[in-house]
Amino acid sequence: MNEQTINETLHGMSLELAYIWRESYANRGKISDDQHDDILEAYINVRRAITTGEDGKRFGANAAYKAMQGEQ
């Protein structure tokens, strides 16, 4: 597996975590605050595992941002 494949896989995972985090935020009270915080922490850690490009941004940074905002 090469770096690009790993970055793409991690990016997909981060989009899934963003969706789960948004849903858990919209349904506060159905899960614990700790679990909600842990989902966000998992998202952050997965994003950090993605290497940065020459522009200093991680692969899929714009899409990840939009996913966290509910725009995607």
PDB file of N, CA and C in Angstrom:
ATOM      1  N   MET A   1       0.858  -1.167   0.000  1.00  0.00           N
ATOM      2  CA  MET A   1       0.000   0.000   0.000  1.00  0.00           C
ATOM      3  C   MET A   1       0.909   1.236   0.000  1.00  0.00           C
ATOM      4  N   ASN A   2       0.601   2.185  -0.864  1.00  0.00           N
ATOM      5  CA  ASN A   2       1.432   3.390  -0.936  1.00  0.00           C
ATOM      6  C   ASN A   2       0.811   4.539  -0.143  1.00  0.00           C
ATOM      7  N   GLU A   3       1.568   5.619  -0.029  1.00  0.00           N
ATOM      8  CA  GLU A   3       1.134   6.762   0.779  1.00  0.00           C
ATOM      9  C   GLU A   3      -0.186   7.353   0.288  1.00  0.00           C
ATOM     10  N   GLN A   4      -0.350   7.469  -1.014  1.00  0.00           N
ATOM     11  CA  GLN A   4      -1.577   8.051  -1.557  1.00  0.00           C
ATOM     12  C   GLN A   4      -2.788   7.193  -1.218  1.00  0.00           C
ATOM     13  N   THR A   5      -2.638   5.892  -1.330  1.00  0.00           N
ATOM     14  CA  THR A   5      -3.737   4.983  -0.989  1.00  0.00           C
ATOM     15  C   THR A   5      -4.093   5.089   0.485  1.00  0.00           C
ATOM     16  N   ILE A   6      -3.084   5.179   1.322  1.00  0.00           N
ATOM     17  CA  ILE A   6      -3.324   5.330   2.757  1.00  0.00           C
ATOM     18  C   ILE A   6      -4.049   6.647   3.032  1.00  0.00           C
ATOM     19  N   ASN A   7      -3.571   7.731   2.412  1.00  0.00           N
ATOM     20  CA  ASN A   7      -4.217   9.031   2.601  1.00  0.00           C
ATOM     21  C   ASN A   7      -5.669   9.014   2.154  1.00  0.00           C
ATOM     22  N   GLU A   8      -5.936   8.385   1.027  1.00  0.00           N
ATOM     23  CA  GLU A   8      -7.311   8.311   0.527  1.00  0.00           C
ATOM     24  C   GLU A   8      -8.201   7.504   1.477  1.00  0.00           C
ATOM     25  N   THR A   9      -7.665   6.403   1.998  1.00  0.00           N
ATOM     26  CA  THR A   9      -8.423   5.572   2.933  1.00  0.00           C
ATOM     27  C   THR A   9      -8.704   6.329   4.224  1.00  0.00           C
ATOM     28  N   LEU A  10      -7.669   6.979   4.761  1.00  0.00           N
ATOM     29  CA  LEU A  10      -7.852   7.767   5.982  1.00  0.00           C
ATOM     30  C   LEU A  10      -8.828   8.914   5.761  1.00  0.00           C
ATOM     31  N   HIS A  11      -8.756   9.540   4.603  1.00  0.00           N
ATOM     32  CA  HIS A  11      -9.679  10.624   4.288  1.00  0.00           C
ATOM     33  C   HIS A  11     -11.120  10.118   4.303  1.00  0.00           C
ATOM     34  N   GLY A  12     -11.358   8.978   3.692  1.00  0.00           N
ATOM     35  CA  GLY A  12     -12.699   8.387   3.703  1.00  0.00           C
ATOM     36  C   GLY A  12     -13.172   8.098   5.115  1.00  0.00           C
ATOM     37  N   MET A  13     -12.269   7.609   5.954  1.00  0.00           N
ATOM     38  CA  MET A  13     -12.609   7.350   7.346  1.00  0.00           C
ATOM     39  C   MET A  13     -12.966   8.657   8.058  1.00  0.00           C
ATOM     40  N   SER A  14     -12.218   9.721   7.762  1.00  0.00           N
ATOM     41  CA  SER A  14     -12.488  11.003   8.421  1.00  0.00           C
ATOM     42  C   SER A  14     -13.856  11.549   8.009  1.00  0.00           C
ATOM     43  N   LEU A  15     -14.246  11.333   6.761  1.00  0.00           N
ATOM     44  CA  LEU A  15     -15.568  11.779   6.326  1.00  0.00           C
ATOM     45  C   LEU A  15     -16.664  11.011   7.055  1.00  0.00           C
ATOM     46  N   GLU A  16     -16.452   9.720   7.268  1.00  0.00           N
ATOM     47  CA  GLU A  16     -17.416   8.917   8.021  1.00  0.00           C
ATOM     48  C   GLU A  16     -17.512   9.408   9.467  1.00  0.00           C
ATOM     49  N   LEU A  17     -16.357   9.697  10.077  1.00  0.00           N
ATOM     50  CA  LEU A  17     -16.356  10.204  11.446  1.00  0.00           C
ATOM     51  C   LEU A  17     -17.023  11.567  11.528  1.00  0.00           C
ATOM     52  N   ALA A  18     -16.822  12.407  10.521  1.00  0.00           N
ATOM     53  CA  ALA A  18     -17.476  13.720  10.497  1.00  0.00           C
ATOM     54  C   ALA A  18     -18.992  13.546  10.477  1.00  0.00           C
ATOM     55  N   TYR A  19     -19.476  12.608   9.679  1.00  0.00           N
ATOM     56  CA  TYR A  19     -20.909  12.333   9.611  1.00  0.00           C
ATOM     57  C   TYR A  19     -21.431  11.857  10.974  1.00  0.00           C
ATOM     58  N   ILE A  20     -20.715  10.922  11.581  1.00  0.00           N
ATOM     59  CA  ILE A  20     -21.132  10.400  12.888  1.00  0.00           C
ATOM     60  C   ILE A  20     -21.136  11.519  13.919  1.00  0.00           C
ATOM     61  N   TRP A  21     -20.123  12.373  13.898  1.00  0.00           N
ATOM     62  CA  TRP A  21     -20.046  13.478  14.860  1.00  0.00           C
ATOM     63  C   TRP A  21     -21.211  14.446  14.679  1.00  0.00           C
ATOM     64  N   ARG A  22     -21.521  14.802  13.422  1.00  0.00           N
ATOM     65  CA  ARG A  22     -22.649  15.703  13.162  1.00  0.00           C
ATOM     66  C   ARG A  22     -23.956  15.100  13.650  1.00  0.00           C
ATOM     67  N   GLU A  23     -24.157  13.819  13.361  1.00  0.00           N
ATOM     68  CA  GLU A  23     -25.379  13.147  13.789  1.00  0.00           C
ATOM     69  C   GLU A  23     -25.462  13.089  15.312  1.00  0.00           C
ATOM     70  N   SER A  24     -24.354  12.811  15.965  1.00  0.00           N
ATOM     71  CA  SER A  24     -24.376  12.746  17.428  1.00  0.00           C
ATOM     72  C   SER A  24     -24.616  14.125  18.019  1.00  0.00           C
ATOM     73  N   TYR A  25     -24.132  15.167  17.364  1.00  0.00           N
ATOM     74  CA  TYR A  25     -24.371  16.534  17.832  1.00  0.00           C
ATOM     75  C   TYR A  25     -25.852  16.891  17.690  1.00  0.00           C
ATOM     76  N   ALA A  26     -26.429  16.486  16.578  1.00  0.00           N
ATOM     77  CA  ALA A  26     -27.847  16.782  16.332  1.00  0.00           C
ATOM     78  C   ALA A  26     -28.750  16.002  17.289  1.00  0.00           C
ATOM     79  N   ASN A  27     -28.259  14.904  17.809  1.00  0.00           N
ATOM     80  CA  ASN A  27     -29.053  14.047  18.695  1.00  0.00           C
ATOM     81  C   ASN A  27     -28.467  13.999  20.095  1.00  0.00           C
ATOM     82  N   ARG A  28     -27.978  15.132  20.564  1.00  0.00           N
ATOM     83  CA  ARG A  28     -27.411  15.196  21.913  1.00  0.00           C
ATOM     84  C   ARG A  28     -28.414  14.634  22.912  1.00  0.00           C
ATOM     85  N   GLY A  29     -27.911  13.984  23.910  1.00  0.00           N
ATOM     86  CA  GLY A  29     -28.777  13.381  24.913  1.00  0.00           C
ATOM     87  C   GLY A  29     -28.990  11.903  24.663  1.00  0.00           C
ATOM     88  N   LYS A  30     -28.788  11.466  23.413  1.00  0.00           N
ATOM     89  CA  LYS A  30     -28.940  10.050  23.102  1.00  0.00           C
ATOM     90  C   LYS A  30     -27.629   9.301  23.287  1.00  0.00           C
ATOM     91  N   ILE A  31     -26.518  10.034  23.305  1.00  0.00           N
ATOM     92  CA  ILE A  31     -25.224   9.440  23.629  1.00  0.00           C
ATOM     93  C   ILE A  31     -24.587  10.324  24.703  1.00  0.00           C
ATOM     94  N   SER A  32     -23.581   9.780  25.356  1.00  0.00           N
ATOM     95  CA  SER A  32     -22.933  10.546  26.419  1.00  0.00           C
ATOM     96  C   SER A  32     -22.045  11.641  25.820  1.00  0.00           C
ATOM     97  N   ASP A  33     -21.806  12.668  26.609  1.00  0.00           N
ATOM     98  CA  ASP A  33     -20.886  13.726  26.180  1.00  0.00           C
ATOM     99  C   ASP A  33     -19.496  13.163  25.938  1.00  0.00           C
ATOM    100  N   ASP A  34     -19.102  12.183  26.753  1.00  0.00           N
ATOM    101  CA  ASP A  34     -17.788  11.569  26.574  1.00  0.00           C
ATOM    102  C   ASP A  34     -17.678  10.880  25.222  1.00  0.00           C
ATOM    103  N   GLN A  35     -18.712  10.166  24.826  1.00  0.00           N
ATOM    104  CA  GLN A  35     -18.672   9.487  23.540  1.00  0.00           C
ATOM    105  C   GLN A  35     -18.637  10.509  22.401  1.00  0.00           C
ATOM    106  N   HIS A  36     -19.419  11.559  22.530  1.00  0.00           N
ATOM    107  CA  HIS A  36     -19.420  12.616  21.518  1.00  0.00           C
ATOM    108  C   HIS A  36     -18.018  13.220  21.381  1.00  0.00           C
ATOM    109  N   ASP A  37     -17.388  13.497  22.522  1.00  0.00           N
ATOM    110  CA  ASP A  37     -16.026  14.039  22.512  1.00  0.00           C
ATOM    111  C   ASP A  37     -15.036  13.049  21.921  1.00  0.00           C
ATOM    112  N   ASP A  38     -15.214  11.769  22.210  1.00  0.00           N
ATOM    113  CA  ASP A  38     -14.313  10.743  21.678  1.00  0.00           C
ATOM    114  C   ASP A  38     -14.418  10.635  20.164  1.00  0.00           C
ATOM    115  N   ILE A  39     -15.609  10.812  19.622  1.00  0.00           N
ATOM    116  CA  ILE A  39     -15.790  10.789  18.168  1.00  0.00           C
ATOM    117  C   ILE A  39     -15.016  11.936  17.533  1.00  0.00           C
ATOM    118  N   LEU A  40     -15.116  13.110  18.123  1.00  0.00           N
ATOM    119  CA  LEU A  40     -14.371  14.265  17.609  1.00  0.00           C
ATOM    120  C   LEU A  40     -12.871  14.014  17.699  1.00  0.00           C
ATOM    121  N   GLU A  41     -12.430  13.458  18.793  1.00  0.00           N
ATOM    122  CA  GLU A  41     -11.002  13.162  18.971  1.00  0.00           C
ATOM    123  C   GLU A  41     -10.527  12.147  17.928  1.00  0.00           C
ATOM    124  N   ALA A  42     -11.352  11.158  17.646  1.00  0.00           N
ATOM    125  CA  ALA A  42     -11.003  10.172  16.619  1.00  0.00           C
ATOM    126  C   ALA A  42     -10.872  10.851  15.256  1.00  0.00           C
ATOM    127  N   TYR A  43     -11.794  11.748  14.940  1.00  0.00           N
ATOM    128  CA  TYR A  43     -11.723  12.503  13.677  1.00  0.00           C
ATOM    129  C   TYR A  43     -10.412  13.277  13.594  1.00  0.00           C
ATOM    130  N   ILE A  44     -10.084  13.980  14.655  1.00  0.00           N
ATOM    131  CA  ILE A  44      -8.855  14.782  14.671  1.00  0.00           C
ATOM    132  C   ILE A  44      -7.630  13.900  14.468  1.00  0.00           C
ATOM    133  N   ASN A  45      -7.584  12.771  15.168  1.00  0.00           N
ATOM    134  CA  ASN A  45      -6.425  11.879  15.052  1.00  0.00           C
ATOM    135  C   ASN A  45      -6.294  11.270  13.659  1.00  0.00           C
ATOM    136  N   VAL A  46      -7.419  10.915  13.054  1.00  0.00           N
ATOM    137  CA  VAL A  46      -7.365  10.369  11.694  1.00  0.00           C
ATOM    138  C   VAL A  46      -6.874  11.443  10.725  1.00  0.00           C
ATOM    139  N   ARG A  47      -7.372  12.668  10.855  1.00  0.00           N
ATOM    140  CA  ARG A  47      -6.910  13.756   9.974  1.00  0.00           C
ATOM    141  C   ARG A  47      -5.408  13.991  10.145  1.00  0.00           C
ATOM    142  N   ARG A  48      -4.931  13.915  11.373  1.00  0.00           N
ATOM    143  CA  ARG A  48      -3.499  14.130  11.626  1.00  0.00           C
ATOM    144  C   ARG A  48      -2.630  13.023  11.046  1.00  0.00           C
ATOM    145  N   ALA A  49      -3.206  11.849  10.857  1.00  0.00           N
ATOM    146  CA  ALA A  49      -2.451  10.733  10.290  1.00  0.00           C
ATOM    147  C   ALA A  49      -2.236  10.895   8.785  1.00  0.00           C
ATOM    148  N   ILE A  50      -2.964  11.802   8.167  1.00  0.00           N
ATOM    149  CA  ILE A  50      -2.826  12.060   6.729  1.00  0.00           C
ATOM    150  C   ILE A  50      -1.633  12.999   6.529  1.00  0.00           C
ATOM    151  N   THR A  51      -0.774  12.644   5.594  1.00  0.00           N
ATOM    152  CA  THR A  51       0.408  13.470   5.346  1.00  0.00           C
ATOM    153  C   THR A  51       0.015  14.802   4.711  1.00  0.00           C
ATOM    154  N   THR A  52       0.855  15.793   4.897  1.00  0.00           N
ATOM    155  CA  THR A  52       0.606  17.104   4.298  1.00  0.00           C
ATOM    156  C   THR A  52       1.274  17.178   2.934  1.00  0.00           C
ATOM    157  N   GLY A  53       0.639  17.926   2.044  1.00  0.00           N
ATOM    158  CA  GLY A  53       1.182  18.130   0.711  1.00  0.00           C
ATOM    159  C   GLY A  53       2.147  19.299   0.686  1.00  0.00           C
ATOM    160  N   GLU A  54       2.605  19.633  -0.495  1.00  0.00           N
ATOM    161  CA  GLU A  54       3.531  20.749  -0.655  1.00  0.00           C
ATOM    162  C   GLU A  54       2.902  22.068  -0.246  1.00  0.00           C
ATOM    163  N   ASP A  55       1.596  22.154  -0.325  1.00  0.00           N
ATOM    164  CA  ASP A  55       0.885  23.378   0.067  1.00  0.00           C
ATOM    165  C   ASP A  55       0.661  23.469   1.577  1.00  0.00           C
ATOM    166  N   GLY A  56       1.092  22.441   2.312  1.00  0.00           N
ATOM    167  CA  GLY A  56       0.947  22.429   3.757  1.00  0.00           C
ATOM    168  C   GLY A  56      -0.397  21.915   4.243  1.00  0.00           C
ATOM    169  N   LYS A  57      -1.273  21.546   3.317  1.00  0.00           N
ATOM    170  CA  LYS A  57      -2.601  21.042   3.678  1.00  0.00           C
ATOM    171  C   LYS A  57      -2.622  19.521   3.568  1.00  0.00           C
ATOM    172  N   ARG A  58      -3.482  18.930   4.342  1.00  0.00           N
ATOM    173  CA  ARG A  58      -3.642  17.477   4.281  1.00  0.00           C
ATOM    174  C   ARG A  58      -4.584  17.117   3.137  1.00  0.00           C
ATOM    175  N   PHE A  59      -4.403  15.914   2.613  1.00  0.00           N
ATOM    176  CA  PHE A  59      -5.235  15.431   1.521  1.00  0.00           C
ATOM    177  C   PHE A  59      -6.703  15.546   1.920  1.00  0.00           C
ATOM    178  N   GLY A  60      -7.513  16.173   1.060  1.00  0.00           N
ATOM    179  CA  GLY A  60      -8.947  16.275   1.280  1.00  0.00           C
ATOM    180  C   GLY A  60      -9.357  17.266   2.352  1.00  0.00           C
ATOM    181  N   ALA A  61      -8.483  18.211   2.684  1.00  0.00           N
ATOM    182  CA  ALA A  61      -8.765  19.149   3.776  1.00  0.00           C
ATOM    183  C   ALA A  61     -10.062  19.921   3.555  1.00  0.00           C
ATOM    184  N   ASN A  62     -10.286  20.388   2.356  1.00  0.00           N
ATOM    185  CA  ASN A  62     -11.498  21.169   2.069  1.00  0.00           C
ATOM    186  C   ASN A  62     -12.754  20.316   2.227  1.00  0.00           C
ATOM    187  N   ALA A  63     -12.715  19.111   1.698  1.00  0.00           N
ATOM    188  CA  ALA A  63     -13.870  18.214   1.819  1.00  0.00           C
ATOM    189  C   ALA A  63     -14.118  17.839   3.283  1.00  0.00           C
ATOM    190  N   ALA A  64     -13.043  17.635   4.038  1.00  0.00           N
ATOM    191  CA  ALA A  64     -13.191  17.294   5.458  1.00  0.00           C
ATOM    192  C   ALA A  64     -13.820  18.453   6.222  1.00  0.00           C
ATOM    193  N   TYR A  65     -13.379  19.657   5.921  1.00  0.00           N
ATOM    194  CA  TYR A  65     -13.962  20.834   6.570  1.00  0.00           C
ATOM    195  C   TYR A  65     -15.461  20.931   6.273  1.00  0.00           C
ATOM    196  N   LYS A  66     -15.805  20.762   4.995  1.00  0.00           N
ATOM    197  CA  LYS A  66     -17.218  20.837   4.599  1.00  0.00           C
ATOM    198  C   LYS A  66     -18.037  19.742   5.260  1.00  0.00           C
ATOM    199  N   ALA A  67     -17.444  18.561   5.398  1.00  0.00           N
ATOM    200  CA  ALA A  67     -18.154  17.446   6.033  1.00  0.00           C
ATOM    201  C   ALA A  67     -18.449  17.762   7.495  1.00  0.00           C
ATOM    202  N   MET A  68     -17.519  18.395   8.180  1.00  0.00           N
ATOM    203  CA  MET A  68     -17.736  18.758   9.580  1.00  0.00           C
ATOM    204  C   MET A  68     -18.795  19.852   9.709  1.00  0.00           C
ATOM    205  N   GLN A  69     -18.912  20.687   8.677  1.00  0.00           N
ATOM    206  CA  GLN A  69     -19.903  21.755   8.693  1.00  0.00           C
ATOM    207  C   GLN A  69     -21.270  21.301   8.206  1.00  0.00           C
ATOM    208  N   GLY A  70     -21.353  20.066   7.695  1.00  0.00           N
ATOM    209  CA  GLY A  70     -22.616  19.545   7.198  1.00  0.00           C
ATOM    210  C   GLY A  70     -22.916  19.964   5.774  1.00  0.00           C
ATOM    211  N   GLU A  71     -21.895  20.413   5.060  1.00  0.00           N
ATOM    212  CA  GLU A  71     -22.069  20.875   3.694  1.00  0.00           C
ATOM    213  C   GLU A  71     -21.850  19.781   2.664  1.00  0.00           C
ATOM    214  N   GLN A  72     -21.530  18.589   3.130  1.00  0.00           N
ATOM    215  CA  GLN A  72     -21.243  17.519   2.200  1.00  0.00           C
ATOM    216  C   GLN A  72     -21.915  16.241   2.620  1.00  0.00           C
TER     217      GLN A  72
END
